[in-house]
Amino acid sequence: MKKKEPYKKEFDDIRVLIAEAKIRNNLNEVELSRCLGIAPTTLASYKNNPATISIHHLFIILELCEKEIQYVEKRRR
């Protein structure tokens, strides 16, 4: 099995978070897009190309999933 590039795994993680936000809050696509304050077509584009998601919308999705981001300082080599 070919190993995924790190950014591709992150993109998959964003897609999973979007799905989790819908399931945890019993929302459909239109309702989730309303929570985010965006058009349903924008939500669809976030799922197709997670690189386009804004940090603001990502934080809302994380809040809906009851998750948070932790910033960790990287070690210098």
N, C-alpha and C. Protein backbone atom coordinates (compact mmCIF):
# COMPACT_ATOMS: atom_id res chain seq x y z
N MET A 1 0.84 -1.18 0.00
CA MET A 1 0.00 0.00 0.00
C MET A 1 0.89 1.24 0.00
N LYS A 2 0.59 2.15 -0.89
CA LYS A 2 1.38 3.37 -1.03
C LYS A 2 1.05 4.34 0.12
N LYS A 3 2.10 4.91 0.69
CA LYS A 3 1.92 5.86 1.79
C LYS A 3 1.44 7.19 1.24
N LYS A 4 0.46 7.79 1.91
CA LYS A 4 -0.08 9.08 1.49
C LYS A 4 0.85 10.22 1.88
N GLU A 5 0.83 11.25 1.05
CA GLU A 5 1.53 12.47 1.40
C GLU A 5 0.87 13.05 2.66
N PRO A 6 1.64 13.69 3.54
CA PRO A 6 1.06 14.22 4.79
C PRO A 6 -0.13 15.15 4.55
N TYR A 7 -0.05 16.01 3.54
CA TYR A 7 -1.16 16.94 3.31
C TYR A 7 -2.42 16.21 2.86
N LYS A 8 -2.28 15.08 2.16
CA LYS A 8 -3.46 14.33 1.73
C LYS A 8 -4.19 13.72 2.93
N LYS A 9 -3.43 13.27 3.93
CA LYS A 9 -4.06 12.76 5.14
C LYS A 9 -4.80 13.88 5.86
N GLU A 10 -4.20 15.06 5.90
CA GLU A 10 -4.87 16.20 6.53
C GLU A 10 -6.16 16.54 5.79
N PHE A 11 -6.13 16.46 4.48
CA PHE A 11 -7.34 16.72 3.70
C PHE A 11 -8.42 15.69 4.02
N ASP A 12 -8.02 14.42 4.15
CA ASP A 12 -8.98 13.38 4.54
C ASP A 12 -9.54 13.66 5.93
N ASP A 13 -8.69 14.14 6.83
CA ASP A 13 -9.14 14.47 8.18
C ASP A 13 -10.20 15.56 8.15
N ILE A 14 -10.04 16.55 7.30
CA ILE A 14 -11.03 17.64 7.19
C ILE A 14 -12.35 17.08 6.67
N ARG A 15 -12.28 16.21 5.68
CA ARG A 15 -13.51 15.59 5.16
C ARG A 15 -14.23 14.80 6.26
N VAL A 16 -13.47 14.09 7.07
CA VAL A 16 -14.05 13.32 8.18
C VAL A 16 -14.68 14.26 9.20
N LEU A 17 -14.02 15.37 9.50
CA LEU A 17 -14.57 16.34 10.45
C LEU A 17 -15.89 16.92 9.96
N ILE A 18 -15.98 17.21 8.67
CA ILE A 18 -17.24 17.72 8.11
C ILE A 18 -18.34 16.69 8.28
N ALA A 19 -18.04 15.43 7.97
CA ALA A 19 -19.04 14.36 8.14
C ALA A 19 -19.42 14.19 9.61
N GLU A 20 -18.43 14.25 10.49
CA GLU A 20 -18.70 14.11 11.92
C GLU A 20 -19.57 15.24 12.45
N ALA A 21 -19.31 16.46 11.99
CA ALA A 21 -20.12 17.60 12.42
C ALA A 21 -21.58 17.40 12.04
N LYS A 22 -21.81 16.86 10.85
CA LYS A 22 -23.18 16.59 10.40
C LYS A 22 -23.84 15.52 11.26
N ILE A 23 -23.12 14.43 11.51
CA ILE A 23 -23.68 13.31 12.26
C ILE A 23 -23.94 13.69 13.72
N ARG A 24 -22.95 14.29 14.37
CA ARG A 24 -23.09 14.64 15.79
C ARG A 24 -24.24 15.60 16.05
N ASN A 25 -24.51 16.46 15.08
CA ASN A 25 -25.53 17.50 15.28
C ASN A 25 -26.79 17.26 14.47
N ASN A 26 -26.87 16.06 13.88
CA ASN A 26 -28.05 15.67 13.10
C ASN A 26 -28.40 16.73 12.05
N LEU A 27 -27.39 17.11 11.26
CA LEU A 27 -27.57 18.15 10.25
C LEU A 27 -27.42 17.55 8.86
N ASN A 28 -28.12 18.14 7.91
CA ASN A 28 -27.86 17.79 6.51
C ASN A 28 -26.92 18.84 5.94
N GLU A 29 -26.61 18.71 4.66
CA GLU A 29 -25.65 19.63 4.02
C GLU A 29 -26.09 21.09 4.12
N VAL A 30 -27.36 21.34 3.87
CA VAL A 30 -27.87 22.72 3.88
C VAL A 30 -27.82 23.29 5.28
N GLU A 31 -28.21 22.50 6.27
CA GLU A 31 -28.19 22.98 7.66
C GLU A 31 -26.77 23.25 8.14
N LEU A 32 -25.83 22.38 7.77
CA LEU A 32 -24.44 22.62 8.17
C LEU A 32 -23.90 23.87 7.49
N SER A 33 -24.23 24.05 6.23
CA SER A 33 -23.76 25.26 5.53
C SER A 33 -24.33 26.52 6.18
N ARG A 34 -25.56 26.44 6.67
CA ARG A 34 -26.15 27.59 7.39
C ARG A 34 -25.39 27.87 8.68
N CYS A 35 -25.02 26.80 9.41
CA CYS A 35 -24.24 26.98 10.64
C CYS A 35 -22.91 27.68 10.35
N LEU A 36 -22.35 27.39 9.19
CA LEU A 36 -21.08 27.98 8.81
C LEU A 36 -21.24 29.35 8.17
N GLY A 37 -22.47 29.68 7.80
CA GLY A 37 -22.73 30.96 7.15
C GLY A 37 -22.24 31.00 5.70
N ILE A 38 -22.30 29.84 5.05
CA ILE A 38 -21.85 29.74 3.66
C ILE A 38 -22.92 29.08 2.82
N ALA A 39 -22.75 29.14 1.52
CA ALA A 39 -23.67 28.47 0.59
C ALA A 39 -23.37 26.97 0.58
N PRO A 40 -24.38 26.15 0.32
CA PRO A 40 -24.13 24.70 0.23
C PRO A 40 -23.08 24.35 -0.83
N THR A 41 -23.00 25.14 -1.89
CA THR A 41 -22.00 24.88 -2.92
C THR A 41 -20.58 25.12 -2.39
N THR A 42 -20.44 26.08 -1.47
CA THR A 42 -19.13 26.33 -0.86
C THR A 42 -18.74 25.16 0.03
N LEU A 43 -19.69 24.62 0.77
CA LEU A 43 -19.42 23.45 1.60
C LEU A 43 -18.99 22.28 0.72
N ALA A 44 -19.66 22.10 -0.39
CA ALA A 44 -19.29 21.03 -1.32
C ALA A 44 -17.88 21.23 -1.84
N SER A 45 -17.51 22.47 -2.11
CA SER A 45 -16.15 22.73 -2.60
C SER A 45 -15.12 22.47 -1.50
N TYR A 46 -15.47 22.74 -0.24
CA TYR A 46 -14.57 22.43 0.88
C TYR A 46 -14.32 20.91 0.93
N LYS A 47 -15.35 20.13 0.69
CA LYS A 47 -15.19 18.68 0.73
C LYS A 47 -14.38 18.19 -0.46
N ASN A 48 -14.57 18.79 -1.61
CA ASN A 48 -13.82 18.40 -2.81
C ASN A 48 -12.38 18.86 -2.75
N ASN A 49 -12.14 20.04 -2.18
CA ASN A 49 -10.80 20.60 -2.10
C ASN A 49 -10.61 21.24 -0.72
N PRO A 50 -10.28 20.43 0.29
CA PRO A 50 -10.14 20.95 1.65
C PRO A 50 -9.10 22.05 1.82
N ALA A 51 -8.21 22.21 0.85
CA ALA A 51 -7.19 23.26 0.95
C ALA A 51 -7.83 24.65 0.92
N THR A 52 -9.07 24.74 0.45
CA THR A 52 -9.73 26.04 0.33
C THR A 52 -10.50 26.46 1.58
N ILE A 53 -10.61 25.58 2.57
CA ILE A 53 -11.39 25.92 3.76
C ILE A 53 -10.70 27.02 4.56
N SER A 54 -11.49 27.94 5.05
CA SER A 54 -10.92 29.02 5.87
C SER A 54 -10.73 28.52 7.29
N ILE A 55 -9.79 29.11 7.98
CA ILE A 55 -9.53 28.72 9.36
C ILE A 55 -10.76 29.01 10.23
N HIS A 56 -11.47 30.06 9.91
CA HIS A 56 -12.69 30.42 10.64
C HIS A 56 -13.71 29.28 10.54
N HIS A 57 -13.94 28.80 9.34
CA HIS A 57 -14.91 27.72 9.16
C HIS A 57 -14.41 26.41 9.77
N LEU A 58 -13.12 26.18 9.70
CA LEU A 58 -12.56 24.98 10.32
C LEU A 58 -12.78 25.00 11.83
N PHE A 59 -12.61 26.16 12.47
CA PHE A 59 -12.86 26.26 13.90
C PHE A 59 -14.33 26.01 14.25
N ILE A 60 -15.24 26.48 13.41
CA ILE A 60 -16.67 26.21 13.66
C ILE A 60 -16.95 24.71 13.56
N ILE A 61 -16.39 24.07 12.55
CA ILE A 61 -16.58 22.63 12.39
C ILE A 61 -16.00 21.88 13.59
N LEU A 62 -14.82 22.28 14.04
CA LEU A 62 -14.23 21.65 15.21
C LEU A 62 -15.11 21.83 16.45
N GLU A 63 -15.68 23.00 16.60
CA GLU A 63 -16.59 23.27 17.73
C GLU A 63 -17.81 22.35 17.65
N LEU A 64 -18.35 22.18 16.47
CA LEU A 64 -19.50 21.28 16.29
C LEU A 64 -19.14 19.83 16.60
N CYS A 65 -17.87 19.47 16.41
CA CYS A 65 -17.39 18.11 16.70
C CYS A 65 -16.89 17.97 18.13
N GLU A 66 -16.94 19.07 18.89
CA GLU A 66 -16.44 19.10 20.26
C GLU A 66 -14.96 18.72 20.32
N LYS A 67 -14.20 19.33 19.38
CA LYS A 67 -12.76 19.12 19.31
C LYS A 67 -12.07 20.47 19.30
N GLU A 68 -10.77 20.44 19.52
CA GLU A 68 -10.00 21.68 19.48
C GLU A 68 -8.65 21.40 18.83
N ILE A 69 -8.02 22.45 18.37
CA ILE A 69 -6.68 22.36 17.81
C ILE A 69 -5.69 22.70 18.91
N GLN A 70 -4.64 21.93 18.98
CA GLN A 70 -3.55 22.25 19.90
C GLN A 70 -2.33 22.60 19.07
N TYR A 71 -1.70 23.68 19.41
CA TYR A 71 -0.50 24.10 18.73
C TYR A 71 0.70 23.54 19.48
N VAL A 72 1.54 22.86 18.75
CA VAL A 72 2.71 22.23 19.34
C VAL A 72 3.95 22.77 18.64
N GLU A 73 4.90 23.22 19.45
CA GLU A 73 6.14 23.73 18.88
C GLU A 73 6.97 22.58 18.33
N LYS A 74 7.43 22.74 17.10
CA LYS A 74 8.24 21.71 16.48
C LYS A 74 9.67 21.82 16.98
N ARG A 75 10.32 20.68 17.08
CA ARG A 75 11.74 20.67 17.46
C ARG A 75 12.56 21.01 16.24
N ARG A 76 13.59 21.78 16.48
CA ARG A 76 14.52 22.10 15.39
C ARG A 76 15.52 20.96 15.27
N ARG A 77 15.89 20.72 14.07
CA ARG A 77 16.86 19.63 13.84
C ARG A 77 18.25 20.14 13.76
